[in-house]
C-alpha atoms as a PDB file:
ATOM      1  CA  MET A   1      18.143   1.501 -23.098  1.00  0.00           C
ATOM      2  CA  PRO A   2      16.862  -1.620 -21.334  1.00  0.00           C
ATOM      3  CA  GLU A   3      13.170  -2.085 -21.357  1.00  0.00           C
ATOM      4  CA  ARG A   4      11.052  -2.278 -18.250  1.00  0.00           C
ATOM      5  CA  PRO A   5       7.373  -2.770 -17.450  1.00  0.00           C
ATOM      6  CA  ALA A   6       5.589   0.609 -17.363  1.00  0.00           C
ATOM      7  CA  ASP A   7       4.705   0.234 -13.651  1.00  0.00           C
ATOM      8  CA  SER A   8       8.090  -0.931 -12.410  1.00  0.00           C
ATOM      9  CA  PRO A   9      10.920   1.432 -11.491  1.00  0.00           C
ATOM     10  CA  VAL A  10      13.330  -1.610 -11.609  1.00  0.00           C
ATOM     11  CA  ARG A  11      15.362  -2.543 -14.632  1.00  0.00           C
ATOM     12  CA  ILE A  12      17.485  -5.641 -15.096  1.00  0.00           C
ATOM     13  CA  ILE A  13      20.546  -5.017 -17.242  1.00  0.00           C
ATOM     14  CA  GLY A  14      23.689  -6.906 -18.192  1.00  0.00           C
ATOM     15  CA  SER A  15      27.207  -5.635 -17.842  1.00  0.00           C
ATOM     16  CA  ARG A  16      27.490  -5.004 -21.570  1.00  0.00           C
ATOM     17  CA  GLU A  17      24.384  -2.822 -21.496  1.00  0.00           C
ATOM     18  CA  LEU A  18      25.715  -0.947 -18.454  1.00  0.00           C
ATOM     19  CA  HIS A  19      28.980  -0.233 -20.420  1.00  0.00           C
ATOM     20  CA  GLN A  20      27.203   0.833 -23.566  1.00  0.00           C
ATOM     21  CA  ASN A  21      24.559   3.036 -21.875  1.00  0.00           C
ATOM     22  CA  LEU A  22      26.368   4.357 -18.855  1.00  0.00           C
ATOM     23  CA  PRO A  23      25.657   8.064 -19.399  1.00  0.00           C
ATOM     24  CA  ALA A  24      21.936   7.518 -19.823  1.00  0.00           C
ATOM     25  CA  ILE A  25      21.806   5.140 -16.894  1.00  0.00           C
ATOM     26  CA  LEU A  26      23.521   7.648 -14.675  1.00  0.00           C
ATOM     27  CA  ARG A  27      20.893  10.225 -15.641  1.00  0.00           C
ATOM     28  CA  GLU A  28      18.096   7.758 -15.003  1.00  0.00           C
ATOM     29  CA  LEU A  29      19.565   7.110 -11.505  1.00  0.00           C
ATOM     30  CA  GLU A  30      18.862  10.677 -10.603  1.00  0.00           C
ATOM     31  CA  ARG A  31      15.193   9.715 -10.360  1.00  0.00           C
ATOM     32  CA  PRO A  32      14.539   8.603  -6.787  1.00  0.00           C
ATOM     33  CA  GLU A  33      12.487   5.574  -7.661  1.00  0.00           C
ATOM     34  CA  THR A  34      14.863   4.123 -10.298  1.00  0.00           C
ATOM     35  CA  ARG A  35      16.778   0.923  -9.481  1.00  0.00           C
ATOM     36  CA  TYR A  36      18.933  -1.245 -11.704  1.00  0.00           C
ATOM     37  CA  VAL A  37      19.811  -4.812 -11.101  1.00  0.00           C
ATOM     38  CA  LEU A  38      23.142  -5.520 -12.758  1.00  0.00           C
ATOM     39  CA  THR A  39      23.633  -9.120 -14.008  1.00  0.00           C
ATOM     40  CA  VAL A  40      26.747 -10.935 -15.230  1.00  0.00           C
ATOM     41  CA  HIS A  41      25.949 -13.964 -17.301  1.00  0.00           C
ATOM     42  CA  GLY A  42      22.355 -13.718 -16.159  1.00  0.00           C
ATOM     43  CA  LYS A  43      23.084 -13.811 -12.462  1.00  0.00           C
ATOM     44  CA  PRO A  44      22.480 -10.719 -10.243  1.00  0.00           C
ATOM     45  CA  ARG A  45      25.673  -9.055  -9.024  1.00  0.00           C
ATOM     46  CA  ALA A  46      24.661  -5.598  -7.866  1.00  0.00           C
ATOM     47  CA  VAL A  47      21.833  -3.124  -7.381  1.00  0.00           C
ATOM     48  CA  LEU A  48      22.410   0.386  -8.681  1.00  0.00           C
ATOM     49  CA  ILE A  49      20.627   3.392  -7.142  1.00  0.00           C
ATOM     50  CA  GLY A  50      21.408   7.075  -7.275  1.00  0.00           C
ATOM     51  CA  ALA A  51      23.419   8.842  -4.589  1.00  0.00           C
ATOM     52  CA  GLU A  52      20.528  10.919  -3.304  1.00  0.00           C
ATOM     53  CA  PRO A  53      18.053   7.915  -3.110  1.00  0.00           C
ATOM     54  CA  PHE A  54      20.843   5.967  -1.314  1.00  0.00           C
ATOM     55  CA  LEU A  55      21.149   8.628   1.411  1.00  0.00           C
ATOM     56  CA  LYS A  56      17.315   8.557   1.785  1.00  0.00           C
ATOM     57  CA  LEU A  57      17.390   4.784   1.993  1.00  0.00           C
ATOM     58  CA  LEU A  58      19.743   5.016   4.963  1.00  0.00           C
ATOM     59  CA  GLU A  59      17.235   7.250   6.751  1.00  0.00           C
ATOM     60  CA  GLU A  60      14.192   5.065   6.070  1.00  0.00           C
ATOM     61  CA  PRO A  61      14.244   1.789   8.035  1.00  0.00           C
ATOM     62  CA  GLU A  62      11.166   0.445   6.269  1.00  0.00           C
ATOM     63  CA  GLY A  63      12.408   1.189   2.745  1.00  0.00           C
ATOM     64  CA  SER A  64      10.354   2.252  -0.310  1.00  0.00           C
ATOM     65  CA  PRO A  65       8.191   0.381  -2.763  1.00  0.00           C
ATOM     66  CA  SER A  66      11.152   0.418  -5.126  1.00  0.00           C
ATOM     67  CA  ASP A  67      13.325  -1.234  -2.576  1.00  0.00           C
ATOM     68  CA  ALA A  68      10.621  -3.821  -1.812  1.00  0.00           C
ATOM     69  CA  VAL A  69      10.403  -4.707  -5.535  1.00  0.00           C
ATOM     70  CA  VAL A  70      14.176  -5.010  -5.836  1.00  0.00           C
ATOM     71  CA  GLY A  71      14.197  -7.287  -2.850  1.00  0.00           C
ATOM     72  CA  LEU A  72      11.488  -9.474  -4.333  1.00  0.00           C
ATOM     73  CA  GLN A  73      13.189  -9.662  -7.656  1.00  0.00           C
ATOM     74  CA  LEU A  74      16.580 -10.483  -6.235  1.00  0.00           C
ATOM     75  CA  THR A  75      15.139 -13.165  -4.017  1.00  0.00           C
ATOM     76  CA  ALA A  76      13.536 -14.783  -7.128  1.00  0.00           C
ATOM     77  CA  LEU A  77      16.636 -14.345  -9.303  1.00  0.00           C
ATOM     78  CA  LEU A  78      18.955 -15.874  -6.670  1.00  0.00           C
ATOM     79  CA  GLY A  79      16.545 -18.773  -6.180  1.00  0.00           C
ATOM     80  CA  GLY A  80      15.884 -17.767  -2.568  1.00  0.00           C
ATOM     81  CA  ARG A  81      12.735 -18.399  -0.653  1.00  0.00           C
ATOM     82  CA  LEU A  82      10.437 -15.726   0.676  1.00  0.00           C
ATOM     83  CA  ASP A  83      10.035 -16.278   4.412  1.00  0.00           C
ATOM     84  CA  PRO A  84       6.844 -14.936   6.097  1.00  0.00           C
ATOM     85  CA  ALA A  85       8.589 -11.922   7.504  1.00  0.00           C
ATOM     86  CA  THR A  86       9.802 -10.831   4.076  1.00  0.00           C
ATOM     87  CA  VAL A  87       6.378 -11.284   2.526  1.00  0.00           C
ATOM     88  CA  GLU A  88       4.792  -9.328   5.406  1.00  0.00           C
ATOM     89  CA  ARG A  89       7.236  -6.426   5.001  1.00  0.00           C
ATOM     90  CA  LEU A  90       6.747  -6.343   1.244  1.00  0.00           C
ATOM     91  CA  GLU A  91       2.929  -6.273   1.729  1.00  0.00           C
ATOM     92  CA  ARG A  92       3.136  -3.605   4.320  1.00  0.00           C
ATOM     93  CA  THR A  93       5.468  -1.442   2.242  1.00  0.00           C
ATOM     94  CA  LEU A  94       3.276  -1.712  -0.871  1.00  0.00           C
ATOM     95  CA  ALA A  95       0.107  -1.058   1.141  1.00  0.00           C
ATOM     96  CA  GLU A  96       1.600   2.115   2.797  1.00  0.00           C
ATOM     97  CA  SER A  97       2.554   3.417  -0.599  1.00  0.00           C
ATOM     98  CA  GLY A  98      -0.958   3.083  -1.919  1.00  0.00           C
ATOM     99  CA  ASN A  99       0.070   0.575  -4.581  1.00  0.00           C
ATOM    100  CA  GLY A 100      -1.086  -2.519  -2.697  1.00  0.00           C
ATOM    101  CA  LYS A 101      -4.344  -3.831  -1.518  1.00  0.00           C
ATOM    102  CA  ALA A 102      -4.782  -3.902   2.220  1.00  0.00           C
END
């Protein structure tokens, strides 16, 4: 199973790892905070989340801390720049979850 930092619900995996560990990954995706960033040749191609968390994501316009972390990681991996509005939303989301410093 792909490793991840203890405090991060986001895992970055390659397509080969996805294929080899699909049953375990599907079980992990049942946890609402779990997200996978799927890469092909080291470039992000998709974000995997469970079906229930996806439905909740549609209901929450502000998103969750997991979604904020995925957004930050994808921006970095894709070589994008964080505009002030993105940074503000990330800070607000993390502060509201109790994980950030206001």
